[in-house]
């Protein structure tokens, strides 16, 4: 059973591989495929918890990550083009934690979930030049700044009942 699981996992990690890919590109594709494979199941559970707590708008955010990532992986399988996978995953990882935080009511009520978005600038250091990675960091900092400006507005309109359940 262990060998079958390993073969299955290897097959999934190679869905974007082409025969003419060099080892660096194969590794890059495989490592990018791991991102939605790890975040996707967690996002699904997270979304279901929000549904259970009647936070439907908040639930739609992690669940949208799951659906977009499945389509994104399918597109990689069909096209073998890594760029859409990279861009979509980076944008989702950067923006969705902020959207979730805003839907829950800002920094405190949103459990500081925006910290997950810091993965985007860190991942950019792996896949991009330092200069391009800085742009992801600047985008992260801009979102923090915007969040601080609108924090009072979202705190006023959000319910603060069940969101403490997910406070980290």
C-alpha atoms as a PDB file:
ATOM      1  CA  UNK A   1       0.000   0.000   0.000  1.00  0.00           C
ATOM      2  CA  UNK A   2       2.865   2.391   0.758  1.00  0.00           C
ATOM      3  CA  UNK A   3       4.377   1.971  -2.709  1.00  0.00           C
ATOM      4  CA  UNK A   4       1.005   2.665  -4.342  1.00  0.00           C
ATOM      5  CA  UNK A   5       0.610   5.858  -2.316  1.00  0.00           C
ATOM      6  CA  UNK A   6       4.115   6.956  -3.293  1.00  0.00           C
ATOM      7  CA  UNK A   7       3.417   6.284  -6.980  1.00  0.00           C
ATOM      8  CA  UNK A   8       0.113   8.168  -6.757  1.00  0.00           C
ATOM      9  CA  UNK A   9       1.792  11.146  -5.079  1.00  0.00           C
ATOM     10  CA  UNK A  10       4.590  11.172  -7.665  1.00  0.00           C
ATOM     11  CA  UNK A  11       2.025  11.092 -10.466  1.00  0.00           C
ATOM     12  CA  UNK A  12       0.231  14.105  -8.995  1.00  0.00           C
ATOM     13  CA  UNK A  13       3.492  16.022  -8.562  1.00  0.00           C
ATOM     14  CA  UNK A  14       4.320  15.419 -12.210  1.00  0.00           C
ATOM     15  CA  UNK A  15       0.998  16.524 -13.746  1.00  0.00           C
ATOM     16  CA  UNK A  16       2.668  19.556 -15.278  1.00  0.00           C
ATOM     17  CA  UNK A  17       5.846  17.844 -16.420  1.00  0.00           C
ATOM     18  CA  UNK A  18       6.883  17.752 -20.057  1.00  0.00           C
ATOM     19  CA  UNK A  19       9.407  15.369 -21.546  1.00  0.00           C
ATOM     20  CA  UNK A  20      11.673  18.278 -22.511  1.00  0.00           C
ATOM     21  CA  UNK A  21      11.617  19.967 -19.052  1.00  0.00           C
ATOM     22  CA  UNK A  22      15.011  20.233 -17.392  1.00  0.00           C
ATOM     23  CA  UNK A  23      15.417  19.125 -13.766  1.00  0.00           C
ATOM     24  CA  UNK A  24      15.150  22.679 -12.424  1.00  0.00           C
ATOM     25  CA  UNK A  25      11.830  23.282 -14.167  1.00  0.00           C
ATOM     26  CA  UNK A  26      10.496  19.888 -13.042  1.00  0.00           C
ATOM     27  CA  UNK A  27      11.426  20.731  -9.452  1.00  0.00           C
ATOM     28  CA  UNK A  28       9.840  24.170  -9.754  1.00  0.00           C
ATOM     29  CA  UNK A  29       6.604  22.696 -11.099  1.00  0.00           C
ATOM     30  CA  UNK A  30       6.490  19.985  -8.443  1.00  0.00           C
ATOM     31  CA  UNK A  31       7.125  22.400  -5.602  1.00  0.00           C
ATOM     32  CA  UNK A  32       4.380  24.730  -6.852  1.00  0.00           C
ATOM     33  CA  UNK A  33       1.936  21.836  -7.099  1.00  0.00           C
ATOM     34  CA  UNK A  34       2.535  21.094  -3.421  1.00  0.00           C
ATOM     35  CA  UNK A  35       1.152  24.519  -2.413  1.00  0.00           C
ATOM     36  CA  UNK A  36      -2.503  23.877  -3.362  1.00  0.00           C
ATOM     37  CA  UNK A  37      -2.194  20.248  -2.250  1.00  0.00           C
ATOM     38  CA  UNK A  38      -1.340  21.409   1.259  1.00  0.00           C
ATOM     39  CA  UNK A  39      -3.467  24.548   1.503  1.00  0.00           C
ATOM     40  CA  UNK A  40      -6.489  23.102  -0.333  1.00  0.00           C
ATOM     41  CA  UNK A  41      -7.582  20.510   2.253  1.00  0.00           C
ATOM     42  CA  UNK A  42      -6.974  22.975   5.100  1.00  0.00           C
ATOM     43  CA  UNK A  43      -9.011  25.619   3.256  1.00  0.00           C
ATOM     44  CA  UNK A  44     -11.828  23.122   2.704  1.00  0.00           C
ATOM     45  CA  UNK A  45     -11.990  22.306   6.419  1.00  0.00           C
ATOM     46  CA  UNK A  46     -11.717  25.984   7.308  1.00  0.00           C
ATOM     47  CA  UNK A  47     -14.564  26.867   4.955  1.00  0.00           C
ATOM     48  CA  UNK A  48     -16.758  24.101   6.359  1.00  0.00           C
ATOM     49  CA  UNK A  49     -16.131  25.360   9.891  1.00  0.00           C
ATOM     50  CA  UNK A  50     -17.261  28.839   8.854  1.00  0.00           C
ATOM     51  CA  UNK A  51     -20.404  27.352   7.287  1.00  0.00           C
ATOM     52  CA  UNK A  52     -21.083  25.515  10.546  1.00  0.00           C
ATOM     53  CA  UNK A  53     -20.723  28.842  12.377  1.00  0.00           C
ATOM     54  CA  UNK A  54     -23.087  30.576   9.895  1.00  0.00           C
ATOM     55  CA  UNK A  55     -20.343  32.840   8.514  1.00  0.00           C
ATOM     56  CA  UNK A  56     -21.206  32.231   4.875  1.00  0.00           C
ATOM     57  CA  UNK A  57     -19.264  35.133   3.398  1.00  0.00           C
ATOM     58  CA  UNK A  58     -16.168  34.096   5.333  1.00  0.00           C
ATOM     59  CA  UNK A  59     -16.709  30.470   4.291  1.00  0.00           C
ATOM     60  CA  UNK A  60     -16.793  31.446   0.639  1.00  0.00           C
ATOM     61  CA  UNK A  61     -13.219  32.745   0.784  1.00  0.00           C
ATOM     62  CA  UNK A  62     -11.309  29.551   1.674  1.00  0.00           C
ATOM     63  CA  UNK A  63     -13.764  27.498  -0.382  1.00  0.00           C
ATOM     64  CA  UNK A  64     -13.084  29.708  -3.393  1.00  0.00           C
ATOM     65  CA  UNK A  65      -9.381  28.915  -2.940  1.00  0.00           C
ATOM     66  CA  UNK A  66     -10.194  25.212  -3.185  1.00  0.00           C
ATOM     67  CA  UNK A  67     -12.239  25.550  -6.378  1.00  0.00           C
ATOM     68  CA  UNK A  68      -9.846  27.957  -8.075  1.00  0.00           C
ATOM     69  CA  UNK A  69      -6.882  25.747  -7.170  1.00  0.00           C
ATOM     70  CA  UNK A  70      -8.532  22.624  -8.584  1.00  0.00           C
ATOM     71  CA  UNK A  71      -9.149  24.474 -11.849  1.00  0.00           C
ATOM     72  CA  UNK A  72      -5.611  25.886 -11.703  1.00  0.00           C
ATOM     73  CA  UNK A  73      -4.116  22.392 -11.334  1.00  0.00           C
ATOM     74  CA  UNK A  74      -6.300  21.086 -14.147  1.00  0.00           C
ATOM     75  CA  UNK A  75      -5.085  23.901 -16.385  1.00  0.00           C
ATOM     76  CA  UNK A  76      -1.478  23.018 -15.563  1.00  0.00           C
ATOM     77  CA  UNK A  77      -2.207  19.415 -16.476  1.00  0.00           C
ATOM     78  CA  UNK A  78      -3.683  20.442 -19.833  1.00  0.00           C
ATOM     79  CA  UNK A  79      -1.278  23.232 -20.780  1.00  0.00           C
ATOM     80  CA  UNK A  80       1.933  22.223 -18.941  1.00  0.00           C
ATOM     81  CA  UNK A  81       2.420  25.977 -18.470  1.00  0.00           C
ATOM     82  CA  UNK A  82       3.660  26.800 -14.974  1.00  0.00           C
ATOM     83  CA  UNK A  83       3.173  30.579 -15.153  1.00  0.00           C
ATOM     84  CA  UNK A  84      -0.628  30.612 -14.613  1.00  0.00           C
ATOM     85  CA  UNK A  85      -0.232  28.204 -11.678  1.00  0.00           C
ATOM     86  CA  UNK A  86       2.437  30.393 -10.123  1.00  0.00           C
ATOM     87  CA  UNK A  87       0.593  33.688 -10.599  1.00  0.00           C
ATOM     88  CA  UNK A  88      -2.807  32.420  -9.506  1.00  0.00           C
ATOM     89  CA  UNK A  89      -1.431  30.721  -6.393  1.00  0.00           C
ATOM     90  CA  UNK A  90       0.621  33.760  -5.419  1.00  0.00           C
ATOM     91  CA  UNK A  91      -2.319  36.123  -5.876  1.00  0.00           C
ATOM     92  CA  UNK A  92      -4.676  33.843  -3.958  1.00  0.00           C
ATOM     93  CA  UNK A  93      -2.221  33.341  -1.113  1.00  0.00           C
ATOM     94  CA  UNK A  94      -1.603  37.087  -0.914  1.00  0.00           C
ATOM     95  CA  UNK A  95      -5.193  38.341  -1.172  1.00  0.00           C
ATOM     96  CA  UNK A  96      -7.504  35.726   0.334  1.00  0.00           C
ATOM     97  CA  UNK A  97      -6.185  35.961   3.920  1.00  0.00           C
ATOM     98  CA  UNK A  98      -6.842  39.704   3.825  1.00  0.00           C
ATOM     99  CA  UNK A  99     -10.325  39.170   2.355  1.00  0.00           C
ATOM    100  CA  UNK A 100     -11.036  36.650   5.105  1.00  0.00           C
ATOM    101  CA  UNK A 101      -9.769  39.001   7.784  1.00  0.00           C
ATOM    102  CA  UNK A 102     -11.925  41.812   6.423  1.00  0.00           C
ATOM    103  CA  UNK A 103     -15.001  39.555   6.273  1.00  0.00           C
ATOM    104  CA  UNK A 104     -14.524  38.688   9.930  1.00  0.00           C
ATOM    105  CA  UNK A 105     -14.165  42.275  11.076  1.00  0.00           C
ATOM    106  CA  UNK A 106     -10.559  43.421  10.843  1.00  0.00           C
ATOM    107  CA  UNK A 107      -7.327  42.628  12.620  1.00  0.00           C
ATOM    108  CA  UNK A 108      -8.531  41.512  16.034  1.00  0.00           C
ATOM    109  CA  UNK A 109     -11.843  39.938  15.045  1.00  0.00           C
ATOM    110  CA  UNK A 110     -10.239  38.324  11.998  1.00  0.00           C
ATOM    111  CA  UNK A 111      -7.701  36.528  14.181  1.00  0.00           C
ATOM    112  CA  UNK A 112      -4.799  38.251  12.442  1.00  0.00           C
ATOM    113  CA  UNK A 113      -5.290  35.716   9.652  1.00  0.00           C
ATOM    114  CA  UNK A 114      -3.536  38.114   7.271  1.00  0.00           C
ATOM    115  CA  UNK A 115      -0.219  36.705   8.521  1.00  0.00           C
ATOM    116  CA  UNK A 116      -0.791  33.729   6.200  1.00  0.00           C
ATOM    117  CA  UNK A 117      -0.444  36.158   3.294  1.00  0.00           C
ATOM    118  CA  UNK A 118       3.214  36.663   4.203  1.00  0.00           C
ATOM    119  CA  UNK A 119       3.826  33.308   2.522  1.00  0.00           C
ATOM    120  CA  UNK A 120       3.512  35.075  -0.866  1.00  0.00           C
ATOM    121  CA  UNK A 121       6.599  37.307  -0.480  1.00  0.00           C
ATOM    122  CA  UNK A 122       8.519  34.409   1.069  1.00  0.00           C
ATOM    123  CA  UNK A 123       7.594  32.088  -1.809  1.00  0.00           C
ATOM    124  CA  UNK A 124       8.509  34.824  -4.277  1.00  0.00           C
ATOM    125  CA  UNK A 125      12.041  34.727  -2.887  1.00  0.00           C
ATOM    126  CA  UNK A 126      12.216  31.107  -4.026  1.00  0.00           C
ATOM    127  CA  UNK A 127      10.725  31.554  -7.491  1.00  0.00           C
ATOM    128  CA  UNK A 128      11.650  35.117  -8.464  1.00  0.00           C
ATOM    129  CA  UNK A 129      14.585  37.483  -8.475  1.00  0.00           C
ATOM    130  CA  UNK A 130      15.073  39.595  -5.374  1.00  0.00           C
ATOM    131  CA  UNK A 131      13.715  42.650  -7.173  1.00  0.00           C
ATOM    132  CA  UNK A 132      10.488  40.908  -8.224  1.00  0.00           C
ATOM    133  CA  UNK A 133      10.122  39.358  -4.780  1.00  0.00           C
ATOM    134  CA  UNK A 134      10.214  42.833  -3.294  1.00  0.00           C
ATOM    135  CA  UNK A 135       7.086  43.735  -5.264  1.00  0.00           C
ATOM    136  CA  UNK A 136       5.211  40.917  -3.522  1.00  0.00           C
ATOM    137  CA  UNK A 137       6.466  42.252  -0.189  1.00  0.00           C
ATOM    138  CA  UNK A 138       5.369  45.782  -1.113  1.00  0.00           C
ATOM    139  CA  UNK A 139       1.932  44.443  -2.043  1.00  0.00           C
ATOM    140  CA  UNK A 140       1.737  42.692   1.342  1.00  0.00           C
ATOM    141  CA  UNK A 141       2.685  45.903   3.144  1.00  0.00           C
ATOM    142  CA  UNK A 142       0.167  47.908   1.103  1.00  0.00           C
ATOM    143  CA  UNK A 143      -2.590  45.486   2.101  1.00  0.00           C
ATOM    144  CA  UNK A 144      -1.614  45.874   5.761  1.00  0.00           C
ATOM    145  CA  UNK A 145      -1.755  49.659   5.376  1.00  0.00           C
ATOM    146  CA  UNK A 146      -5.175  49.535   3.683  1.00  0.00           C
ATOM    147  CA  UNK A 147      -6.385  47.133   6.366  1.00  0.00           C
ATOM    148  CA  UNK A 148      -5.310  49.498   9.108  1.00  0.00           C
ATOM    149  CA  UNK A 149      -7.256  52.325   7.462  1.00  0.00           C
ATOM    150  CA  UNK A 150     -10.486  50.371   7.205  1.00  0.00           C
ATOM    151  CA  UNK A 151     -10.141  48.328  10.396  1.00  0.00           C
ATOM    152  CA  UNK A 152     -12.569  50.487  12.360  1.00  0.00           C
ATOM    153  CA  UNK A 153     -15.220  50.216   9.649  1.00  0.00           C
ATOM    154  CA  UNK A 154     -15.070  46.440   9.514  1.00  0.00           C
ATOM    155  CA  UNK A 155     -14.953  46.105  13.284  1.00  0.00           C
ATOM    156  CA  UNK A 156     -18.173  48.121  13.509  1.00  0.00           C
ATOM    157  CA  UNK A 157     -20.110  45.861  11.105  1.00  0.00           C
ATOM    158  CA  UNK A 158     -18.753  42.427  12.014  1.00  0.00           C
ATOM    159  CA  UNK A 159     -20.315  40.227  14.607  1.00  0.00           C
ATOM    160  CA  UNK A 160     -17.915  39.260  17.340  1.00  0.00           C
ATOM    161  CA  UNK A 161     -19.722  36.155  18.564  1.00  0.00           C
ATOM    162  CA  UNK A 162     -18.291  33.002  17.075  1.00  0.00           C
ATOM    163  CA  UNK A 163     -15.107  34.343  15.481  1.00  0.00           C
ATOM    164  CA  UNK A 164     -13.238  33.948  18.778  1.00  0.00           C
ATOM    165  CA  UNK A 165     -13.509  30.193  18.166  1.00  0.00           C
ATOM    166  CA  UNK A 166     -10.936  30.527  15.385  1.00  0.00           C
ATOM    167  CA  UNK A 167      -8.702  33.080  17.104  1.00  0.00           C
ATOM    168  CA  UNK A 168      -5.097  32.004  16.776  1.00  0.00           C
END
